[in-house]
Amino acid sequence: MNQLTIVFAIIMLVWIGIFGYIVSLDSRLRKLEKDK
């Protein structure tokens, strides 16, 4: 594996983490809205 592949894999993992965090945060906010 060359360095570019490793860097690309790290960037992809970071993006997946950010996206997953936003989605979970969004669903949590929607749940709070429903409870009101």
C-alpha atoms as a PDB file:
ATOM      1  CA  MET A   1       0.000   0.000   0.000  1.00  0.00           C
ATOM      2  CA  ASN A   2       1.438   3.369  -0.974  1.00  0.00           C
ATOM      3  CA  GLN A   3       1.054   6.527   1.095  1.00  0.00           C
ATOM      4  CA  LEU A   4      -1.680   8.016  -1.091  1.00  0.00           C
ATOM      5  CA  THR A   5      -3.918   4.981  -0.503  1.00  0.00           C
ATOM      6  CA  ILE A   6      -3.419   5.255   3.256  1.00  0.00           C
ATOM      7  CA  VAL A   7      -4.221   8.984   3.255  1.00  0.00           C
ATOM      8  CA  PHE A   8      -7.323   8.373   1.135  1.00  0.00           C
ATOM      9  CA  ALA A   9      -8.499   5.595   3.472  1.00  0.00           C
ATOM     10  CA  ILE A  10      -8.059   7.856   6.520  1.00  0.00           C
ATOM     11  CA  ILE A  11     -10.005  10.679   4.843  1.00  0.00           C
ATOM     12  CA  MET A  12     -12.824   8.275   3.947  1.00  0.00           C
ATOM     13  CA  LEU A  13     -13.004   6.971   7.522  1.00  0.00           C
ATOM     14  CA  VAL A  14     -13.119  10.525   8.895  1.00  0.00           C
ATOM     15  CA  TRP A  15     -15.930  11.463   6.491  1.00  0.00           C
ATOM     16  CA  ILE A  16     -17.929   8.337   7.405  1.00  0.00           C
ATOM     17  CA  GLY A  17     -17.485   9.200  11.095  1.00  0.00           C
ATOM     18  CA  ILE A  18     -18.651  12.800  10.612  1.00  0.00           C
ATOM     19  CA  PHE A  19     -21.627  11.708   8.500  1.00  0.00           C
ATOM     20  CA  GLY A  20     -22.659   9.051  11.034  1.00  0.00           C
ATOM     21  CA  TYR A  21     -22.386  11.579  13.867  1.00  0.00           C
ATOM     22  CA  ILE A  22     -24.586  14.105  12.028  1.00  0.00           C
ATOM     23  CA  VAL A  23     -27.200  11.441  11.228  1.00  0.00           C
ATOM     24  CA  SER A  24     -27.369  10.221  14.843  1.00  0.00           C
ATOM     25  CA  LEU A  25     -27.552  13.816  16.093  1.00  0.00           C
ATOM     26  CA  ASP A  26     -30.367  14.565  13.614  1.00  0.00           C
ATOM     27  CA  SER A  27     -32.410  11.525  14.657  1.00  0.00           C
ATOM     28  CA  ARG A  28     -31.917  12.454  18.320  1.00  0.00           C
ATOM     29  CA  LEU A  29     -33.198  15.989  17.661  1.00  0.00           C
ATOM     30  CA  ARG A  30     -36.221  14.608  15.788  1.00  0.00           C
ATOM     31  CA  LYS A  31     -36.993  12.326  18.732  1.00  0.00           C
ATOM     32  CA  LEU A  32     -36.899  15.332  21.076  1.00  0.00           C
ATOM     33  CA  GLU A  33     -39.271  17.242  18.775  1.00  0.00           C
ATOM     34  CA  LYS A  34     -41.746  14.326  18.832  1.00  0.00           C
ATOM     35  CA  ASP A  35     -41.663  14.096  22.639  1.00  0.00           C
ATOM     36  CA  LYS A  36     -42.753  17.727  23.074  1.00  0.00           C
END
